[in-house]
Amino acid sequence: MSVIEKLRERIKQKGLGRTFATLWKRYVFFHWELLWMERDLVSPVPPHTLRPYEGLRRADITPENATAFAKHFGDRVQTMAELAAEGHTGHMYLDADGHAVAFIWGSVRDYHDRHYYGCEFPVKPGEFFEFGGEMTRAYFGSSLSVDVQVALWEAMAAQGCDKVVDVCETHNIPALKLHIRMGYHEQGRVTHVYGLFGRWRLFRETRYQGSRLEPLRKPGRPVVTAAARA
């Protein structure tokens, strides 16, 4: 299929406006806002009504077993092996056939994300940076989204951590709601990522007052009290 044919097919599927917006962000300019979140590792997760799942086992990700990502995350195999080789803590969840269906990572040192955002995320003593959490569509809406995080928190607490920090894109509403459900609270800072012409990345950080998550909070859901900061 030629480039023109692919473009026509995309316009047919998504419409001219959405196609133009996608191309603009990919080849001209985009701006992502990454909200910083944090949470202690001992407060219980609030009750939830996520559906249960079964038949999965957890394994530590290593350079040798990263091939388990080939079926569902084929473009991540090398990335997973590299992250494991760099010494980050990674968990994957395997189905009965040994295929990874979910994963999550944690770093106890400053994390330079060369695979996606392109910037560095600083980590203070006692913290760890949580990143890369993802699962296949079959497990969307399941309690796996809770279990992968809790298991990582426990593993990182065993390494001497008492706080988890991470970032979440402001346009990723499901992920923001998950943070609310898990009891995270906002740090009041934003990392901005700018992309120019599909080649250059620029970064800056800003601060804000109040909450940017409040409009997403369900009525009656309690607000987690901020932990003491260093």
Protein backbone atom coordinates (compact mmCIF):
# COMPACT_ATOMS: atom_id res chain seq x y z
CA MET A 1 0.00 0.00 0.00
CA SER A 2 1.41 3.40 -1.02
CA VAL A 3 1.74 6.38 1.32
CA ILE A 4 -1.22 8.09 -0.38
CA GLU A 5 -3.36 4.98 -0.03
CA LYS A 6 -2.44 4.66 3.65
CA LEU A 7 -3.36 8.31 4.20
CA ARG A 8 -6.70 7.88 2.45
CA GLU A 9 -7.46 4.80 4.56
CA ARG A 10 -6.60 6.64 7.78
CA ILE A 11 -8.82 9.58 6.78
CA LYS A 12 -11.63 7.15 6.01
CA GLN A 13 -11.28 5.49 9.42
CA LYS A 14 -10.63 8.51 11.65
CA GLY A 15 -11.83 11.50 9.66
CA LEU A 16 -9.86 14.40 8.23
CA GLY A 17 -9.70 16.42 11.45
CA ARG A 18 -8.32 13.64 13.66
CA THR A 19 -5.92 12.52 10.94
CA PHE A 20 -4.55 16.06 10.55
CA ALA A 21 -4.19 16.45 14.33
CA THR A 22 -2.27 13.17 14.58
CA LEU A 23 0.08 14.11 11.75
CA TRP A 24 0.61 17.58 13.22
CA LYS A 25 1.63 16.13 16.61
CA ARG A 26 3.88 13.53 15.03
CA TYR A 27 5.69 15.67 12.49
CA VAL A 28 5.29 19.32 13.56
CA PHE A 29 4.61 20.00 17.24
CA PHE A 30 3.26 18.40 20.39
CA HIS A 31 3.10 19.39 24.05
CA TRP A 32 2.65 16.87 26.84
CA GLU A 33 2.06 17.79 30.47
CA LEU A 34 3.24 15.20 32.99
CA LEU A 35 1.72 15.59 36.45
CA TRP A 36 3.92 14.42 39.32
CA MET A 37 2.23 12.12 41.86
CA GLU A 38 3.40 10.51 45.06
CA ARG A 39 2.22 8.03 47.66
CA ASP A 40 3.55 6.32 50.75
CA LEU A 41 4.00 2.55 50.59
CA VAL A 42 2.10 1.57 53.72
CA SER A 43 -1.35 3.18 53.51
CA PRO A 44 -3.94 0.63 52.34
CA VAL A 45 -5.40 0.92 48.86
CA PRO A 46 -9.01 2.21 49.01
CA PRO A 47 -11.73 -0.38 48.27
CA HIS A 48 -12.56 -0.91 44.62
CA THR A 49 -15.02 -2.79 42.42
CA LEU A 50 -12.61 -3.89 39.69
CA ARG A 51 -13.31 -7.31 38.26
CA PRO A 52 -11.13 -10.23 39.39
CA TYR A 53 -8.73 -12.18 37.16
CA GLU A 54 -6.91 -15.49 37.47
CA GLY A 55 -4.28 -17.68 35.87
CA LEU A 56 -1.32 -15.29 35.96
CA ARG A 57 2.04 -15.56 37.67
CA ARG A 58 4.53 -12.83 38.45
CA ALA A 59 8.20 -12.96 37.44
CA ASP A 60 11.14 -10.58 37.73
CA ILE A 61 12.18 -9.23 34.33
CA THR A 62 15.73 -10.13 33.30
CA PRO A 63 17.69 -9.68 30.07
CA GLU A 64 17.31 -13.42 29.48
CA ASN A 65 13.54 -13.74 29.89
CA ALA A 66 12.53 -10.52 28.10
CA THR A 67 11.54 -12.64 25.10
CA ALA A 68 8.29 -13.32 26.99
CA PHE A 69 7.12 -9.92 25.68
CA ALA A 70 7.33 -11.00 22.04
CA LYS A 71 3.66 -11.94 21.56
CA HIS A 72 1.84 -8.96 23.06
CA PHE A 73 4.59 -6.32 23.25
CA GLY A 74 6.81 -7.30 20.34
CA ASP A 75 8.31 -3.83 19.95
CA ARG A 76 9.38 -3.75 23.62
CA VAL A 77 11.53 -6.87 23.87
CA GLN A 78 14.83 -5.03 23.47
CA THR A 79 13.70 -2.19 25.72
CA MET A 80 12.73 -4.62 28.48
CA ALA A 81 16.09 -6.37 28.24
CA GLU A 82 17.94 -3.04 28.39
CA LEU A 83 16.02 -1.81 31.44
CA ALA A 84 16.72 -5.07 33.26
CA ALA A 85 20.40 -4.90 32.35
CA GLU A 86 20.55 -1.36 33.77
CA GLY A 87 19.48 -2.70 37.15
CA HIS A 88 15.93 -1.36 37.38
CA THR A 89 13.34 -3.51 39.15
CA GLY A 90 10.77 -4.92 36.73
CA HIS A 91 7.84 -7.27 37.21
CA MET A 92 5.98 -9.02 34.43
CA TYR A 93 2.82 -11.09 34.64
CA LEU A 94 2.72 -14.25 32.55
CA ASP A 95 -0.25 -16.23 31.26
CA ALA A 96 -0.43 -20.02 31.17
CA ASP A 97 1.61 -20.08 27.96
CA GLY A 98 4.40 -17.95 29.37
CA HIS A 99 3.50 -14.77 27.48
CA ALA A 100 3.79 -11.45 29.31
CA VAL A 101 0.41 -9.69 29.55
CA ALA A 102 1.41 -6.89 31.95
CA PHE A 103 4.50 -5.22 33.34
CA ILE A 104 5.70 -2.41 35.59
CA TRP A 105 9.08 -0.91 36.53
CA GLY A 106 10.71 0.91 39.44
CA SER A 107 13.98 2.84 39.73
CA VAL A 108 15.73 3.87 42.95
CA ARG A 109 17.99 6.33 41.12
CA ASP A 110 17.44 9.20 38.71
CA TYR A 111 15.80 7.69 35.67
CA HIS A 112 16.72 8.89 32.20
CA ASP A 113 13.87 7.84 29.93
CA ARG A 114 15.56 7.56 26.56
CA HIS A 115 12.90 5.17 25.21
CA TYR A 116 9.83 7.44 25.31
CA TYR A 117 9.78 10.92 26.86
CA GLY A 118 13.47 11.61 26.42
CA CYS A 119 13.96 13.45 29.72
CA GLU A 120 15.38 12.60 33.13
CA PHE A 121 13.18 12.06 36.19
CA PRO A 122 15.03 12.84 39.46
CA VAL A 123 14.60 10.50 42.43
CA LYS A 124 15.28 11.54 46.02
CA PRO A 125 16.66 9.23 48.73
CA GLY A 126 13.94 6.96 50.09
CA GLU A 127 11.83 7.31 46.94
CA PHE A 128 11.54 5.19 43.86
CA PHE A 129 10.27 6.22 40.45
CA GLU A 130 7.50 4.01 39.08
CA PHE A 131 7.20 3.85 35.30
CA GLY A 132 6.20 1.76 32.31
CA GLY A 133 3.07 0.19 33.78
CA GLU A 134 1.03 -1.43 31.01
CA MET A 135 -1.21 -4.42 30.36
CA THR A 136 -3.03 -5.99 27.45
CA ARG A 137 -6.59 -4.92 26.71
CA ALA A 138 -8.03 -8.19 28.04
CA TYR A 139 -7.12 -7.05 31.57
CA PHE A 140 -8.40 -3.47 31.35
CA GLY A 141 -10.79 -2.85 34.22
CA SER A 142 -9.46 -5.76 36.27
CA SER A 143 -7.83 -5.75 39.69
CA LEU A 144 -4.52 -6.55 37.98
CA SER A 145 -4.00 -2.77 37.71
CA VAL A 146 -3.97 -2.66 41.51
CA ASP A 147 -2.00 -5.85 42.13
CA VAL A 148 0.93 -4.94 39.86
CA GLN A 149 1.46 -1.71 41.77
CA VAL A 150 1.08 -3.14 45.26
CA ALA A 151 3.53 -5.96 44.48
CA LEU A 152 6.08 -3.44 43.17
CA TRP A 153 5.63 -1.24 46.26
CA GLU A 154 6.37 -4.24 48.47
CA ALA A 155 9.47 -5.11 46.46
CA MET A 156 10.75 -1.55 46.61
CA ALA A 157 10.00 -1.22 50.33
CA ALA A 158 12.26 -4.24 50.81
CA GLN A 159 14.99 -2.18 49.10
CA GLY A 160 14.59 0.60 51.65
CA CYS A 161 12.06 2.85 49.90
CA ASP A 162 9.15 4.50 51.73
CA LYS A 163 7.60 6.53 48.90
CA VAL A 164 6.64 6.01 45.26
CA VAL A 165 6.67 8.89 42.77
CA ASP A 166 5.62 8.89 39.14
CA VAL A 167 4.24 11.07 36.36
CA CYS A 168 1.01 10.86 34.41
CA GLU A 169 0.04 12.55 31.16
CA THR A 170 -2.83 15.01 31.63
CA HIS A 171 -4.62 13.70 28.54
CA ASN A 172 -4.60 10.11 29.85
CA ILE A 173 -7.86 10.29 31.82
CA PRO A 174 -8.06 6.54 32.67
CA ALA A 175 -4.55 6.66 34.15
CA LEU A 176 -5.36 9.78 36.17
CA LYS A 177 -8.47 8.10 37.57
CA LEU A 178 -6.37 5.05 38.45
CA HIS A 179 -4.03 7.28 40.44
CA ILE A 180 -6.99 8.67 42.36
CA ARG A 181 -8.26 5.16 43.02
CA MET A 182 -4.85 4.05 44.27
CA GLY A 183 -4.58 6.91 46.75
CA TYR A 184 -1.91 9.03 45.08
CA HIS A 185 -1.84 12.79 45.58
CA GLU A 186 -0.39 15.59 43.52
CA GLN A 187 2.99 17.17 44.17
CA GLY A 188 1.92 20.40 42.49
CA ARG A 189 4.52 20.26 39.75
CA VAL A 190 4.42 19.50 36.04
CA THR A 191 7.11 18.37 33.63
CA HIS A 192 6.41 19.75 30.16
CA VAL A 193 7.64 17.86 27.11
CA TYR A 194 7.68 19.65 23.75
CA GLY A 195 8.30 17.88 20.46
CA LEU A 196 9.39 19.79 17.35
CA PHE A 197 9.33 18.43 13.80
CA GLY A 198 9.56 14.83 14.98
CA ARG A 199 13.21 15.36 15.94
CA TRP A 200 13.81 17.73 18.86
CA ARG A 201 12.59 17.56 22.46
CA LEU A 202 12.49 20.46 24.90
CA PHE A 203 11.64 20.24 28.60
CA ARG A 204 10.70 22.54 31.45
CA GLU A 205 9.04 22.29 34.87
CA THR A 206 6.27 24.43 36.36
CA ARG A 207 4.40 24.49 39.68
CA TYR A 208 0.72 24.91 40.45
CA GLN A 209 -1.56 25.39 43.44
CA GLY A 210 -4.67 23.42 44.25
CA SER A 211 -5.68 20.22 42.46
CA ARG A 212 -5.89 19.36 38.80
CA LEU A 213 -7.45 15.98 39.58
CA GLU A 214 -10.44 17.22 41.57
CA PRO A 215 -12.78 17.37 38.52
CA LEU A 216 -12.13 13.65 37.97
CA ARG A 217 -12.82 12.62 41.55
CA LYS A 218 -16.07 10.77 42.16
CA PRO A 219 -18.43 12.38 44.68
CA GLY A 220 -17.71 11.05 48.15
CA ARG A 221 -14.25 9.75 47.33
CA PRO A 222 -11.88 10.89 50.11
CA VAL A 223 -8.86 13.05 49.40
CA VAL A 224 -5.58 11.48 50.53
CA THR A 225 -3.69 13.66 52.95
CA ALA A 226 -0.29 14.77 51.63
CA ALA A 227 2.70 13.05 53.20
CA ALA A 228 5.41 15.12 54.83
CA ARG A 229 8.01 16.29 52.32
CA ALA A 230 11.74 16.34 52.71
